[in-house]
Amino acid sequence: MTYYDPADVMRNKQLRPLSDETLAEIEAIKVQSQRLLDAFNAAAPSREMSLAKTKLEEAVMWAVKGLTA
């Protein structure tokens, strides 16, 4: 069985163990994204800042999904 099945959009598959290298990459992404989120939170609230936070969350989600696919 391959790890990517286009018909399985909810990713209902057996999870594979992640290597220490992959876990370290995920941690590095999350640490850096938290630093950026902290900078966003220090800025004055606005619709644009809310959108920036949402896009950051989306970027991190896709990056982690890419590493774990």
N, C-alpha and C. Protein backbone atom coordinates (compact mmCIF):
# COMPACT_ATOMS: atom_id res chain seq x y z
N MET A 1 0.83 -1.18 0.00
CA MET A 1 0.00 0.00 0.00
C MET A 1 0.88 1.24 0.00
N THR A 2 0.54 2.19 -0.87
CA THR A 2 1.29 3.44 -0.88
C THR A 2 0.77 4.35 0.22
N TYR A 3 1.56 5.31 0.60
CA TYR A 3 1.16 6.22 1.66
C TYR A 3 0.24 7.32 1.16
N TYR A 4 0.17 7.54 -0.16
CA TYR A 4 -0.70 8.57 -0.70
C TYR A 4 -1.78 7.92 -1.55
N ASP A 5 -3.01 8.14 -1.17
CA ASP A 5 -4.15 7.64 -1.93
C ASP A 5 -5.07 8.83 -2.18
N PRO A 6 -5.16 9.31 -3.43
CA PRO A 6 -5.97 10.50 -3.71
C PRO A 6 -7.43 10.34 -3.30
N ALA A 7 -7.92 9.12 -3.22
CA ALA A 7 -9.31 8.89 -2.83
C ALA A 7 -9.49 9.02 -1.31
N ASP A 8 -8.41 8.98 -0.56
CA ASP A 8 -8.47 9.02 0.90
C ASP A 8 -8.21 10.45 1.39
N VAL A 9 -9.15 11.35 1.13
CA VAL A 9 -8.94 12.75 1.45
C VAL A 9 -8.86 13.01 2.95
N MET A 10 -9.41 12.14 3.76
CA MET A 10 -9.37 12.32 5.21
C MET A 10 -8.16 11.64 5.84
N ARG A 11 -7.32 11.05 5.02
CA ARG A 11 -6.09 10.38 5.48
C ARG A 11 -6.39 9.30 6.52
N ASN A 12 -7.39 8.47 6.24
CA ASN A 12 -7.75 7.36 7.13
C ASN A 12 -6.89 6.15 6.80
N LYS A 13 -5.64 6.27 7.07
CA LYS A 13 -4.70 5.20 6.75
C LYS A 13 -3.85 4.88 7.97
N GLN A 14 -3.13 3.84 7.85
CA GLN A 14 -2.19 3.47 8.91
C GLN A 14 -1.07 4.51 8.96
N LEU A 15 -0.83 5.05 10.12
CA LEU A 15 0.24 6.03 10.25
C LEU A 15 1.60 5.34 10.24
N ARG A 16 2.54 5.98 9.60
CA ARG A 16 3.89 5.42 9.58
C ARG A 16 4.71 6.08 10.67
N PRO A 17 5.66 5.34 11.21
CA PRO A 17 6.53 5.97 12.23
C PRO A 17 7.38 7.06 11.58
N LEU A 18 7.58 8.14 12.29
CA LEU A 18 8.38 9.24 11.77
C LEU A 18 9.81 9.12 12.28
N SER A 19 10.74 9.44 11.40
CA SER A 19 12.15 9.39 11.79
C SER A 19 12.48 10.55 12.72
N ASP A 20 13.58 10.40 13.42
CA ASP A 20 14.03 11.49 14.30
C ASP A 20 14.30 12.75 13.49
N GLU A 21 14.81 12.58 12.27
CA GLU A 21 15.09 13.73 11.40
C GLU A 21 13.79 14.47 11.04
N THR A 22 12.76 13.72 10.68
CA THR A 22 11.48 14.34 10.35
C THR A 22 10.88 15.04 11.56
N LEU A 23 10.94 14.39 12.71
CA LEU A 23 10.43 15.02 13.94
C LEU A 23 11.18 16.31 14.25
N ALA A 24 12.49 16.32 14.00
CA ALA A 24 13.29 17.53 14.23
C ALA A 24 12.90 18.63 13.25
N GLU A 25 12.62 18.26 12.00
CA GLU A 25 12.18 19.25 11.01
C GLU A 25 10.84 19.85 11.40
N ILE A 26 9.93 19.02 11.86
CA ILE A 26 8.61 19.50 12.30
C ILE A 26 8.78 20.45 13.48
N GLU A 27 9.60 20.07 14.43
CA GLU A 27 9.84 20.91 15.61
C GLU A 27 10.43 22.25 15.20
N ALA A 28 11.38 22.25 14.28
CA ALA A 28 12.00 23.50 13.82
C ALA A 28 10.96 24.41 13.17
N ILE A 29 10.08 23.86 12.37
CA ILE A 29 9.02 24.65 11.74
C ILE A 29 8.10 25.24 12.80
N LYS A 30 7.73 24.45 13.77
CA LYS A 30 6.82 24.93 14.80
C LYS A 30 7.46 25.99 15.68
N VAL A 31 8.74 25.84 15.98
CA VAL A 31 9.44 26.85 16.79
C VAL A 31 9.51 28.17 16.03
N GLN A 32 9.90 28.11 14.75
CA GLN A 32 10.01 29.34 13.96
C GLN A 32 8.64 29.99 13.74
N SER A 33 7.63 29.18 13.51
CA SER A 33 6.29 29.74 13.30
C SER A 33 5.78 30.38 14.59
N GLN A 34 6.11 29.84 15.72
CA GLN A 34 5.70 30.44 17.00
C GLN A 34 6.36 31.80 17.18
N ARG A 35 7.61 31.92 16.77
CA ARG A 35 8.31 33.21 16.86
C ARG A 35 7.61 34.25 16.00
N LEU A 36 7.21 33.85 14.79
CA LEU A 36 6.50 34.76 13.90
C LEU A 36 5.12 35.10 14.46
N LEU A 37 4.42 34.11 15.01
CA LEU A 37 3.12 34.36 15.62
C LEU A 37 3.25 35.33 16.79
N ASP A 38 4.29 35.19 17.59
CA ASP A 38 4.51 36.13 18.69
C ASP A 38 4.68 37.56 18.16
N ALA A 39 5.39 37.71 17.05
CA ALA A 39 5.56 39.04 16.45
C ALA A 39 4.22 39.57 15.95
N PHE A 40 3.42 38.70 15.35
CA PHE A 40 2.08 39.12 14.91
C PHE A 40 1.25 39.57 16.11
N ASN A 41 1.31 38.82 17.19
CA ASN A 41 0.51 39.14 18.38
C ASN A 41 0.95 40.45 19.03
N ALA A 42 2.20 40.83 18.84
CA ALA A 42 2.71 42.08 19.40
C ALA A 42 2.23 43.30 18.61
N ALA A 43 1.80 43.07 17.39
CA ALA A 43 1.32 44.17 16.54
C ALA A 43 -0.11 44.52 16.91
N ALA A 44 -0.52 45.69 16.47
CA ALA A 44 -1.90 46.12 16.72
C ALA A 44 -2.88 45.18 16.01
N PRO A 45 -3.96 44.81 16.67
CA PRO A 45 -4.94 43.93 16.05
C PRO A 45 -5.59 44.58 14.83
N SER A 46 -5.80 43.78 13.81
CA SER A 46 -6.48 44.26 12.60
C SER A 46 -6.96 43.05 11.81
N ARG A 47 -7.81 43.31 10.86
CA ARG A 47 -8.26 42.23 9.97
C ARG A 47 -7.08 41.63 9.24
N GLU A 48 -6.18 42.48 8.79
CA GLU A 48 -5.01 42.00 8.06
C GLU A 48 -4.13 41.11 8.94
N MET A 49 -3.99 41.48 10.21
CA MET A 49 -3.18 40.66 11.12
C MET A 49 -3.88 39.33 11.37
N SER A 50 -5.20 39.34 11.47
CA SER A 50 -5.94 38.09 11.63
C SER A 50 -5.75 37.18 10.41
N LEU A 51 -5.76 37.78 9.23
CA LEU A 51 -5.52 37.00 8.01
C LEU A 51 -4.10 36.44 8.00
N ALA A 52 -3.14 37.24 8.44
CA ALA A 52 -1.75 36.78 8.48
C ALA A 52 -1.61 35.58 9.41
N LYS A 53 -2.28 35.63 10.56
CA LYS A 53 -2.23 34.51 11.50
C LYS A 53 -2.86 33.26 10.90
N THR A 54 -3.98 33.44 10.22
CA THR A 54 -4.64 32.29 9.58
C THR A 54 -3.75 31.69 8.51
N LYS A 55 -3.11 32.52 7.71
CA LYS A 55 -2.24 32.01 6.65
C LYS A 55 -1.00 31.33 7.23
N LEU A 56 -0.50 31.84 8.34
CA LEU A 56 0.63 31.18 9.00
C LEU A 56 0.22 29.80 9.48
N GLU A 57 -0.94 29.71 10.11
CA GLU A 57 -1.45 28.42 10.57
C GLU A 57 -1.59 27.45 9.39
N GLU A 58 -2.10 27.96 8.29
CA GLU A 58 -2.26 27.12 7.09
C GLU A 58 -0.90 26.67 6.55
N ALA A 59 0.05 27.58 6.51
CA ALA A 59 1.39 27.25 6.01
C ALA A 59 2.05 26.16 6.85
N VAL A 60 1.92 26.28 8.17
CA VAL A 60 2.50 25.27 9.05
C VAL A 60 1.81 23.92 8.84
N MET A 61 0.49 23.95 8.71
CA MET A 61 -0.26 22.71 8.48
C MET A 61 0.21 22.02 7.21
N TRP A 62 0.35 22.78 6.12
CA TRP A 62 0.78 22.18 4.85
C TRP A 62 2.23 21.69 4.94
N ALA A 63 3.08 22.43 5.63
CA ALA A 63 4.48 22.01 5.76
C ALA A 63 4.58 20.69 6.52
N VAL A 64 3.85 20.59 7.62
CA VAL A 64 3.87 19.35 8.42
C VAL A 64 3.26 18.21 7.62
N LYS A 65 2.17 18.50 6.93
CA LYS A 65 1.53 17.46 6.10
C LYS A 65 2.51 16.98 5.02
N GLY A 66 3.24 17.91 4.45
CA GLY A 66 4.24 17.55 3.43
C GLY A 66 5.35 16.68 3.99
N LEU A 67 5.77 16.96 5.21
CA LEU A 67 6.83 16.16 5.83
C LEU A 67 6.35 14.78 6.25
N THR A 68 5.06 14.65 6.57
CA THR A 68 4.56 13.39 7.11
C THR A 68 3.82 12.54 6.07
N ALA A 69 3.67 13.06 4.86
CA ALA A 69 2.94 12.33 3.83
C ALA A 69 3.66 11.06 3.41
